[in-house]
PDB file of N, CA and C in Angstrom:
ATOM      1  N   MET A   1     -34.949  79.594  10.695  1.00  0.00           N
ATOM      2  CA  MET A   1     -34.635  78.296  11.242  1.00  0.00           C
ATOM      3  C   MET A   1     -35.870  77.727  11.918  1.00  0.00           C
ATOM      4  N   GLU A   2     -35.934  76.435  11.951  1.00  0.00           N
ATOM      5  CA  GLU A   2     -37.089  75.768  12.520  1.00  0.00           C
ATOM      6  C   GLU A   2     -36.966  75.675  14.032  1.00  0.00           C
ATOM      7  N   GLU A   3     -38.015  76.061  14.738  1.00  0.00           N
ATOM      8  CA  GLU A   3     -38.034  75.932  16.185  1.00  0.00           C
ATOM      9  C   GLU A   3     -38.525  74.539  16.537  1.00  0.00           C
ATOM     10  N   THR A   4     -37.908  73.949  17.564  1.00  0.00           N
ATOM     11  CA  THR A   4     -38.282  72.591  17.945  1.00  0.00           C
ATOM     12  C   THR A   4     -38.544  72.508  19.439  1.00  0.00           C
ATOM     13  N   ARG A   5     -38.210  71.399  20.049  1.00  0.00           N
ATOM     14  CA  ARG A   5     -38.543  71.133  21.444  1.00  0.00           C
ATOM     15  C   ARG A   5     -38.083  72.222  22.403  1.00  0.00           C
ATOM     16  N   THR A   6     -36.976  72.899  22.143  1.00  0.00           N
ATOM     17  CA  THR A   6     -36.484  73.908  23.069  1.00  0.00           C
ATOM     18  C   THR A   6     -37.235  75.216  22.929  1.00  0.00           C
ATOM     19  N   GLY A   7     -37.983  75.399  21.836  1.00  0.00           N
ATOM     20  CA  GLY A   7     -38.695  76.641  21.619  1.00  0.00           C
ATOM     21  C   GLY A   7     -37.814  77.732  21.038  1.00  0.00           C
ATOM     22  N   LYS A   8     -36.543  77.465  20.870  1.00  0.00           N
ATOM     23  CA  LYS A   8     -35.594  78.426  20.313  1.00  0.00           C
ATOM     24  C   LYS A   8     -34.980  77.839  19.055  1.00  0.00           C
ATOM     25  N   PRO A   9     -34.686  78.668  18.067  1.00  0.00           N
ATOM     26  CA  PRO A   9     -34.007  78.166  16.879  1.00  0.00           C
ATOM     27  C   PRO A   9     -32.560  77.801  17.207  1.00  0.00           C
ATOM     28  N   HIS A  10     -32.016  76.895  16.423  1.00  0.00           N
ATOM     29  CA  HIS A  10     -30.625  76.469  16.627  1.00  0.00           C
ATOM     30  C   HIS A  10     -29.703  77.432  15.885  1.00  0.00           C
ATOM     31  N   GLN A  11     -28.769  78.011  16.633  1.00  0.00           N
ATOM     32  CA  GLN A  11     -27.782  78.917  16.050  1.00  0.00           C
ATOM     33  C   GLN A  11     -26.441  78.687  16.709  1.00  0.00           C
ATOM     34  N   ILE A  12     -25.384  78.959  15.945  1.00  0.00           N
ATOM     35  CA  ILE A  12     -24.019  78.907  16.485  1.00  0.00           C
ATOM     36  C   ILE A  12     -23.369  80.247  16.188  1.00  0.00           C
ATOM     37  N   PHE A  13     -22.778  80.822  17.214  1.00  0.00           N
ATOM     38  CA  PHE A  13     -22.012  82.053  17.047  1.00  0.00           C
ATOM     39  C   PHE A  13     -20.657  81.831  17.704  1.00  0.00           C
ATOM     40  N   TRP A  14     -19.591  82.076  16.949  1.00  0.00           N
ATOM     41  CA  TRP A  14     -18.245  81.894  17.498  1.00  0.00           C
ATOM     42  C   TRP A  14     -17.392  83.091  17.129  1.00  0.00           C
ATOM     43  N   LYS A  15     -16.637  83.603  18.078  1.00  0.00           N
ATOM     44  CA  LYS A  15     -15.801  84.774  17.851  1.00  0.00           C
ATOM     45  C   LYS A  15     -14.334  84.383  17.956  1.00  0.00           C
ATOM     46  N   GLU A  16     -13.626  84.513  16.834  1.00  0.00           N
ATOM     47  CA  GLU A  16     -12.189  84.279  16.751  1.00  0.00           C
ATOM     48  C   GLU A  16     -11.750  82.936  17.329  1.00  0.00           C
ATOM     49  N   ARG A  17     -12.605  81.921  17.197  1.00  0.00           N
ATOM     50  CA  ARG A  17     -12.314  80.562  17.664  1.00  0.00           C
ATOM     51  C   ARG A  17     -12.007  80.487  19.150  1.00  0.00           C
ATOM     52  N   LYS A  18     -12.331  81.519  19.919  1.00  0.00           N
ATOM     53  CA  LYS A  18     -11.995  81.556  21.347  1.00  0.00           C
ATOM     54  C   LYS A  18     -13.216  81.496  22.259  1.00  0.00           C
ATOM     55  N   GLN A  19     -14.319  82.069  21.844  1.00  0.00           N
ATOM     56  CA  GLN A  19     -15.525  82.049  22.676  1.00  0.00           C
ATOM     57  C   GLN A  19     -16.745  82.094  21.785  1.00  0.00           C
ATOM     58  N   GLY A  20     -17.841  81.537  22.296  1.00  0.00           N
ATOM     59  CA  GLY A  20     -19.043  81.552  21.488  1.00  0.00           C
ATOM     60  C   GLY A  20     -20.238  81.007  22.220  1.00  0.00           C
ATOM     61  N   SER A  21     -21.325  80.863  21.479  1.00  0.00           N
ATOM     62  CA  SER A  21     -22.565  80.370  22.064  1.00  0.00           C
ATOM     63  C   SER A  21     -23.308  79.496  21.066  1.00  0.00           C
ATOM     64  N   VAL A  22     -24.118  78.605  21.623  1.00  0.00           N
ATOM     65  CA  VAL A  22     -24.951  77.711  20.834  1.00  0.00           C
ATOM     66  C   VAL A  22     -26.351  77.801  21.420  1.00  0.00           C
ATOM     67  N   THR A  23     -27.359  77.968  20.565  1.00  0.00           N
ATOM     68  CA  THR A  23     -28.753  77.948  21.012  1.00  0.00           C
ATOM     69  C   THR A  23     -29.435  76.730  20.403  1.00  0.00           C
ATOM     70  N   GLY A  24     -30.608  76.418  20.902  1.00  0.00           N
ATOM     71  CA  GLY A  24     -31.317  75.223  20.437  1.00  0.00           C
ATOM     72  C   GLY A  24     -30.760  73.959  21.065  1.00  0.00           C
ATOM     73  N   VAL A  25     -30.105  74.095  22.226  1.00  0.00           N
ATOM     74  CA  VAL A  25     -29.495  72.952  22.911  1.00  0.00           C
ATOM     75  C   VAL A  25     -30.545  72.274  23.787  1.00  0.00           C
ATOM     76  N   ILE A  26     -30.649  70.970  23.641  1.00  0.00           N
ATOM     77  CA  ILE A  26     -31.582  70.177  24.427  1.00  0.00           C
ATOM     78  C   ILE A  26     -30.879  69.592  25.650  1.00  0.00           C
ATOM     79  N   ASP A  27     -29.616  69.132  25.465  1.00  0.00           N
ATOM     80  CA  ASP A  27     -28.887  68.501  26.563  1.00  0.00           C
ATOM     81  C   ASP A  27     -27.391  68.554  26.293  1.00  0.00           C
ATOM     82  N   VAL A  28     -26.605  68.575  27.365  1.00  0.00           N
ATOM     83  CA  VAL A  28     -25.155  68.412  27.266  1.00  0.00           C
ATOM     84  C   VAL A  28     -24.879  66.956  27.587  1.00  0.00           C
ATOM     85  N   VAL A  29     -24.471  66.191  26.569  1.00  0.00           N
ATOM     86  CA  VAL A  29     -24.271  64.756  26.733  1.00  0.00           C
ATOM     87  C   VAL A  29     -22.960  64.480  27.460  1.00  0.00           C
ATOM     88  N   SER A  30     -21.885  65.147  27.046  1.00  0.00           N
ATOM     89  CA  SER A  30     -20.598  64.995  27.718  1.00  0.00           C
ATOM     90  C   SER A  30     -19.733  66.208  27.419  1.00  0.00           C
ATOM     91  N   PHE A  31     -18.754  66.423  28.297  1.00  0.00           N
ATOM     92  CA  PHE A  31     -17.813  67.511  28.053  1.00  0.00           C
ATOM     93  C   PHE A  31     -16.538  67.276  28.850  1.00  0.00           C
ATOM     94  N   ASP A  32     -15.435  67.703  28.279  1.00  0.00           N
ATOM     95  CA  ASP A  32     -14.153  67.793  28.957  1.00  0.00           C
ATOM     96  C   ASP A  32     -13.361  68.892  28.256  1.00  0.00           C
ATOM     97  N   GLU A  33     -12.092  69.040  28.571  1.00  0.00           N
ATOM     98  CA  GLU A  33     -11.319  70.149  28.012  1.00  0.00           C
ATOM     99  C   GLU A  33     -11.031  70.010  26.521  1.00  0.00           C
ATOM    100  N   SER A  34     -11.242  68.806  25.955  1.00  0.00           N
ATOM    101  CA  SER A  34     -10.931  68.615  24.540  1.00  0.00           C
ATOM    102  C   SER A  34     -12.156  68.386  23.659  1.00  0.00           C
ATOM    103  N   ALA A  35     -13.316  68.107  24.243  1.00  0.00           N
ATOM    104  CA  ALA A  35     -14.510  67.856  23.424  1.00  0.00           C
ATOM    105  C   ALA A  35     -15.782  68.117  24.224  1.00  0.00           C
ATOM    106  N   VAL A  36     -16.786  68.649  23.526  1.00  0.00           N
ATOM    107  CA  VAL A  36     -18.114  68.867  24.105  1.00  0.00           C
ATOM    108  C   VAL A  36     -19.125  68.258  23.151  1.00  0.00           C
ATOM    109  N   LEU A  37     -20.022  67.432  23.674  1.00  0.00           N
ATOM    110  CA  LEU A  37     -21.054  66.795  22.865  1.00  0.00           C
ATOM    111  C   LEU A  37     -22.406  67.333  23.316  1.00  0.00           C
ATOM    112  N   LEU A  38     -23.086  68.029  22.393  1.00  0.00           N
ATOM    113  CA  LEU A  38     -24.373  68.643  22.685  1.00  0.00           C
ATOM    114  C   LEU A  38     -25.470  67.988  21.856  1.00  0.00           C
ATOM    115  N   GLU A  39     -26.617  67.741  22.482  1.00  0.00           N
ATOM    116  CA  GLU A  39     -27.801  67.334  21.735  1.00  0.00           C
ATOM    117  C   GLU A  39     -28.543  68.610  21.392  1.00  0.00           C
ATOM    118  N   THR A  40     -28.688  68.892  20.101  1.00  0.00           N
ATOM    119  CA  THR A  40     -29.368  70.110  19.663  1.00  0.00           C
ATOM    120  C   THR A  40     -30.661  69.736  18.947  1.00  0.00           C
ATOM    121  N   SER A  41     -31.430  70.740  18.625  1.00  0.00           N
ATOM    122  CA  SER A  41     -32.683  70.512  17.911  1.00  0.00           C
ATOM    123  C   SER A  41     -32.458  70.006  16.493  1.00  0.00           C
ATOM    124  N   LEU A  42     -31.225  70.089  15.996  1.00  0.00           N
ATOM    125  CA  LEU A  42     -30.910  69.594  14.646  1.00  0.00           C
ATOM    126  C   LEU A  42     -29.974  68.397  14.654  1.00  0.00           C
ATOM    127  N   GLY A  43     -29.823  67.734  15.787  1.00  0.00           N
ATOM    128  CA  GLY A  43     -28.975  66.556  15.881  1.00  0.00           C
ATOM    129  C   GLY A  43     -27.843  66.759  16.873  1.00  0.00           C
ATOM    130  N   MET A  44     -26.986  65.759  16.994  1.00  0.00           N
ATOM    131  CA  MET A  44     -25.854  65.819  17.910  1.00  0.00           C
ATOM    132  C   MET A  44     -24.766  66.708  17.311  1.00  0.00           C
ATOM    133  N   LEU A  45     -24.181  67.554  18.148  1.00  0.00           N
ATOM    134  CA  LEU A  45     -23.128  68.469  17.723  1.00  0.00           C
ATOM    135  C   LEU A  45     -21.903  68.210  18.588  1.00  0.00           C
ATOM    136  N   THR A  46     -20.778  67.855  17.945  1.00  0.00           N
ATOM    137  CA  THR A  46     -19.521  67.640  18.642  1.00  0.00           C
ATOM    138  C   THR A  46     -18.595  68.803  18.347  1.00  0.00           C
ATOM    139  N   LEU A  47     -18.105  69.444  19.405  1.00  0.00           N
ATOM    140  CA  LEU A  47     -17.137  70.531  19.279  1.00  0.00           C
ATOM    141  C   LEU A  47     -15.828  70.022  19.860  1.00  0.00           C
ATOM    142  N   LYS A  48     -14.759  70.073  19.080  1.00  0.00           N
ATOM    143  CA  LYS A  48     -13.451  69.621  19.546  1.00  0.00           C
ATOM    144  C   LYS A  48     -12.493  70.796  19.570  1.00  0.00           C
ATOM    145  N   GLY A  49     -11.582  70.772  20.534  1.00  0.00           N
ATOM    146  CA  GLY A  49     -10.622  71.849  20.645  1.00  0.00           C
ATOM    147  C   GLY A  49      -9.728  71.684  21.849  1.00  0.00           C
ATOM    148  N   LYS A  50      -9.276  72.810  22.381  1.00  0.00           N
ATOM    149  CA  LYS A  50      -8.356  72.817  23.514  1.00  0.00           C
ATOM    150  C   LYS A  50      -8.892  73.759  24.584  1.00  0.00           C
ATOM    151  N   GLU A  51      -8.718  73.360  25.835  1.00  0.00           N
ATOM    152  CA  GLU A  51      -9.104  74.176  26.982  1.00  0.00           C
ATOM    153  C   GLU A  51     -10.552  74.650  26.901  1.00  0.00           C
ATOM    154  N   LEU A  52     -11.445  73.747  26.527  1.00  0.00           N
ATOM    155  CA  LEU A  52     -12.862  74.080  26.401  1.00  0.00           C
ATOM    156  C   LEU A  52     -13.527  74.117  27.772  1.00  0.00           C
ATOM    157  N   HIS A  53     -14.320  75.155  27.996  1.00  0.00           N
ATOM    158  CA  HIS A  53     -15.038  75.323  29.249  1.00  0.00           C
ATOM    159  C   HIS A  53     -16.436  75.858  28.952  1.00  0.00           C
ATOM    160  N   ILE A  54     -17.420  75.319  29.639  1.00  0.00           N
ATOM    161  CA  ILE A  54     -18.778  75.845  29.538  1.00  0.00           C
ATOM    162  C   ILE A  54     -18.898  76.944  30.582  1.00  0.00           C
ATOM    163  N   SER A  55     -19.072  78.176  30.130  1.00  0.00           N
ATOM    164  CA  SER A  55     -19.154  79.303  31.063  1.00  0.00           C
ATOM    165  C   SER A  55     -20.582  79.579  31.523  1.00  0.00           C
ATOM    166  N   ARG A  56     -21.568  79.195  30.693  1.00  0.00           N
ATOM    167  CA  ARG A  56     -22.972  79.389  31.065  1.00  0.00           C
ATOM    168  C   ARG A  56     -23.804  78.326  30.383  1.00  0.00           C
ATOM    169  N   LEU A  57     -24.720  77.728  31.148  1.00  0.00           N
ATOM    170  CA  LEU A  57     -25.603  76.699  30.612  1.00  0.00           C
ATOM    171  C   LEU A  57     -27.013  76.959  31.115  1.00  0.00           C
ATOM    172  N   SER A  58     -27.967  77.041  30.190  1.00  0.00           N
ATOM    173  CA  SER A  58     -29.371  77.166  30.548  1.00  0.00           C
ATOM    174  C   SER A  58     -30.177  76.238  29.643  1.00  0.00           C
ATOM    175  N   LEU A  59     -30.517  75.078  30.170  1.00  0.00           N
ATOM    176  CA  LEU A  59     -31.306  74.139  29.372  1.00  0.00           C
ATOM    177  C   LEU A  59     -32.751  74.600  29.244  1.00  0.00           C
ATOM    178  N   GLU A  60     -33.211  75.446  30.162  1.00  0.00           N
ATOM    179  CA  GLU A  60     -34.568  75.977  30.061  1.00  0.00           C
ATOM    180  C   GLU A  60     -34.725  76.819  28.792  1.00  0.00           C
ATOM    181  N   THR A  61     -33.699  77.618  28.482  1.00  0.00           N
ATOM    182  CA  THR A  61     -33.747  78.442  27.272  1.00  0.00           C
ATOM    183  C   THR A  61     -32.990  77.808  26.111  1.00  0.00           C
ATOM    184  N   GLY A  62     -32.267  76.701  26.369  1.00  0.00           N
ATOM    185  CA  GLY A  62     -31.540  76.004  25.316  1.00  0.00           C
ATOM    186  C   GLY A  62     -30.271  76.720  24.886  1.00  0.00           C
ATOM    187  N   GLU A  63     -29.593  77.406  25.834  1.00  0.00           N
ATOM    188  CA  GLU A  63     -28.407  78.194  25.495  1.00  0.00           C
ATOM    189  C   GLU A  63     -27.176  77.697  26.239  1.00  0.00           C
ATOM    190  N   VAL A  64     -26.047  77.665  25.523  1.00  0.00           N
ATOM    191  CA  VAL A  64     -24.757  77.301  26.100  1.00  0.00           C
ATOM    192  C   VAL A  64     -23.728  78.321  25.624  1.00  0.00           C
ATOM    193  N   ASP A  65     -22.979  78.893  26.573  1.00  0.00           N
ATOM    194  CA  ASP A  65     -21.848  79.762  26.242  1.00  0.00           C
ATOM    195  C   ASP A  65     -20.579  79.006  26.588  1.00  0.00           C
ATOM    196  N   MET A  66     -19.583  79.081  25.697  1.00  0.00           N
ATOM    197  CA  MET A  66     -18.341  78.333  25.885  1.00  0.00           C
ATOM    198  C   MET A  66     -17.134  79.215  25.617  1.00  0.00           C
ATOM    199  N   GLU A  67     -16.006  78.796  26.185  1.00  0.00           N
ATOM    200  CA  GLU A  67     -14.726  79.438  25.939  1.00  0.00           C
ATOM    201  C   GLU A  67     -13.710  78.349  25.629  1.00  0.00           C
ATOM    202  N   GLY A  68     -12.679  78.690  24.891  1.00  0.00           N
ATOM    203  CA  GLY A  68     -11.628  77.759  24.518  1.00  0.00           C
ATOM    204  C   GLY A  68     -11.347  77.856  23.037  1.00  0.00           C
ATOM    205  N   THR A  69     -10.364  77.133  22.586  1.00  0.00           N
ATOM    206  CA  THR A  69      -9.991  77.140  21.172  1.00  0.00           C
ATOM    207  C   THR A  69     -10.720  76.012  20.450  1.00  0.00           C
ATOM    208  N   ILE A  70     -11.556  76.360  19.481  1.00  0.00           N
ATOM    209  CA  ILE A  70     -12.324  75.378  18.709  1.00  0.00           C
ATOM    210  C   ILE A  70     -11.529  74.960  17.472  1.00  0.00           C
ATOM    211  N   ASP A  71     -11.373  73.644  17.301  1.00  0.00           N
ATOM    212  CA  ASP A  71     -10.721  73.104  16.115  1.00  0.00           C
ATOM    213  C   ASP A  71     -11.724  72.558  15.104  1.00  0.00           C
ATOM    214  N   SER A  72     -12.851  72.016  15.592  1.00  0.00           N
ATOM    215  CA  SER A  72     -13.846  71.480  14.661  1.00  0.00           C
ATOM    216  C   SER A  72     -15.225  71.429  15.304  1.00  0.00           C
ATOM    217  N   MET A  73     -16.249  71.489  14.427  1.00  0.00           N
ATOM    218  CA  MET A  73     -17.650  71.324  14.823  1.00  0.00           C
ATOM    219  C   MET A  73     -18.257  70.347  13.830  1.00  0.00           C
ATOM    220  N   VAL A  74     -18.850  69.267  14.342  1.00  0.00           N
ATOM    221  CA  VAL A  74     -19.387  68.225  13.473  1.00  0.00           C
ATOM    222  C   VAL A  74     -20.762  67.804  13.973  1.00  0.00           C
ATOM    223  N   TYR A  75     -21.729  67.728  13.050  1.00  0.00           N
ATOM    224  CA  TYR A  75     -23.055  67.220  13.366  1.00  0.00           C
ATOM    225  C   TYR A  75     -23.104  65.728  13.070  1.00  0.00           C
ATOM    226  N   SER A  76     -23.859  64.994  13.879  1.00  0.00           N
ATOM    227  CA  SER A  76     -24.102  63.577  13.618  1.00  0.00           C
ATOM    228  C   SER A  76     -25.525  63.265  14.059  1.00  0.00           C
ATOM    229  N   GLY A  77     -25.988  62.115  13.675  1.00  0.00           N
ATOM    230  CA  GLY A  77     -27.355  61.755  14.020  1.00  0.00           C
ATOM    231  C   GLY A  77     -28.341  62.459  13.116  1.00  0.00           C
ATOM    232  N   SER A  78     -29.594  62.284  13.436  1.00  0.00           N
ATOM    233  CA  SER A  78     -30.615  62.896  12.590  1.00  0.00           C
ATOM    234  C   SER A  78     -31.308  64.005  13.339  1.00  0.00           C
ATOM    235  N   GLY A  79     -31.784  64.936  12.594  1.00  0.00           N
ATOM    236  CA  GLY A  79     -32.566  66.040  13.126  1.00  0.00           C
ATOM    237  C   GLY A  79     -33.635  66.363  12.119  1.00  0.00           C
ATOM    238  N   PRO A  80     -34.460  67.335  12.388  1.00  0.00           N
ATOM    239  CA  PRO A  80     -35.524  67.686  11.459  1.00  0.00           C
ATOM    240  C   PRO A  80     -35.039  68.050  10.068  1.00  0.00           C
ATOM    241  N   ALA A  81     -33.819  68.589   9.951  1.00  0.00           N
ATOM    242  CA  ALA A  81     -33.315  68.996   8.652  1.00  0.00           C
ATOM    243  C   ALA A  81     -32.737  67.834   7.853  1.00  0.00           C
ATOM    244  N   ALA A  82     -32.438  66.716   8.527  1.00  0.00           N
ATOM    245  CA  ALA A  82     -31.821  65.579   7.847  1.00  0.00           C
ATOM    246  C   ALA A  82     -32.875  64.822   7.044  1.00  0.00           C
ATOM    247  N   LYS A  83     -32.528  64.453   5.842  1.00  0.00           N
ATOM    248  CA  LYS A  83     -33.444  63.719   4.981  1.00  0.00           C
ATOM    249  C   LYS A  83     -33.054  62.247   4.896  1.00  0.00           C
ATOM    250  N   GLY A  84     -32.123  61.800   5.708  1.00  0.00           N
ATOM    251  CA  GLY A  84     -31.641  60.433   5.664  1.00  0.00           C
ATOM    252  C   GLY A  84     -30.168  60.429   5.307  1.00  0.00           C
ATOM    253  N   SER A  85     -29.554  59.290   5.521  1.00  0.00           N
ATOM    254  CA  SER A  85     -28.130  59.183   5.234  1.00  0.00           C
ATOM    255  C   SER A  85     -27.869  59.253   3.737  1.00  0.00           C
ATOM    256  N   PHE A  86     -26.628  59.507   3.393  1.00  0.00           N
ATOM    257  CA  PHE A  86     -26.227  59.589   2.001  1.00  0.00           C
ATOM    258  C   PHE A  86     -26.538  58.274   1.272  1.00  0.00           C
ATOM    259  N   LEU A  87     -26.194  57.131   1.878  1.00  0.00           N
ATOM    260  CA  LEU A  87     -26.453  55.835   1.226  1.00  0.00           C
ATOM    261  C   LEU A  87     -27.939  55.575   1.076  1.00  0.00           C
ATOM    262  N   LYS A  88     -28.707  55.959   2.079  1.00  0.00           N
ATOM    263  CA  LYS A  88     -30.153  55.771   2.005  1.00  0.00           C
ATOM    264  C   LYS A  88     -30.749  56.551   0.844  1.00  0.00           C
ATOM    265  N   ARG A  89     -30.269  57.783   0.638  1.00  0.00           N
ATOM    266  CA  ARG A  89     -30.768  58.606  -0.472  1.00  0.00           C
ATOM    267  C   ARG A  89     -30.304  58.069  -1.814  1.00  0.00           C
ATOM    268  N   MET A  90     -29.115  57.481  -1.856  1.00  0.00           N
ATOM    269  CA  MET A  90     -28.566  56.939  -3.123  1.00  0.00           C
ATOM    270  C   MET A  90     -29.378  55.748  -3.619  1.00  0.00           C
ATOM    271  N   PHE A  91     -29.887  54.919  -2.688  1.00  0.00           N
ATOM    272  CA  PHE A  91     -30.544  53.679  -3.096  1.00  0.00           C
ATOM    273  C   PHE A  91     -32.051  53.721  -2.926  1.00  0.00           C
ATOM    274  N   ARG A  92     -32.658  54.861  -3.171  1.00  0.00           N
ATOM    275  CA  ARG A  92     -34.123  54.973  -3.136  1.00  0.00           C
ATOM    276  C   ARG A  92     -34.729  54.304  -4.326  1.00  0.00           C
TER     277      ARG A  92
END
């Protein structure tokens, strides 16, 4: 994986949809019990679920540990791996 501004590669590890960790985190944009929005080295990452809690946050190392039931993880925005939107690539 490509290392970027955080100095750490971006990785997601989740165990049984109940707890996990994300590396390569630049900032926590917003969070509540149903959604967490993280700015990562590969773009914005939205995690949706129930009873979500951030148990550990270290922006110096770019690591976030979370607990709760995850229903979905979705990337948006651009990051180093993105080559442009689908429509942009279609009409080159």
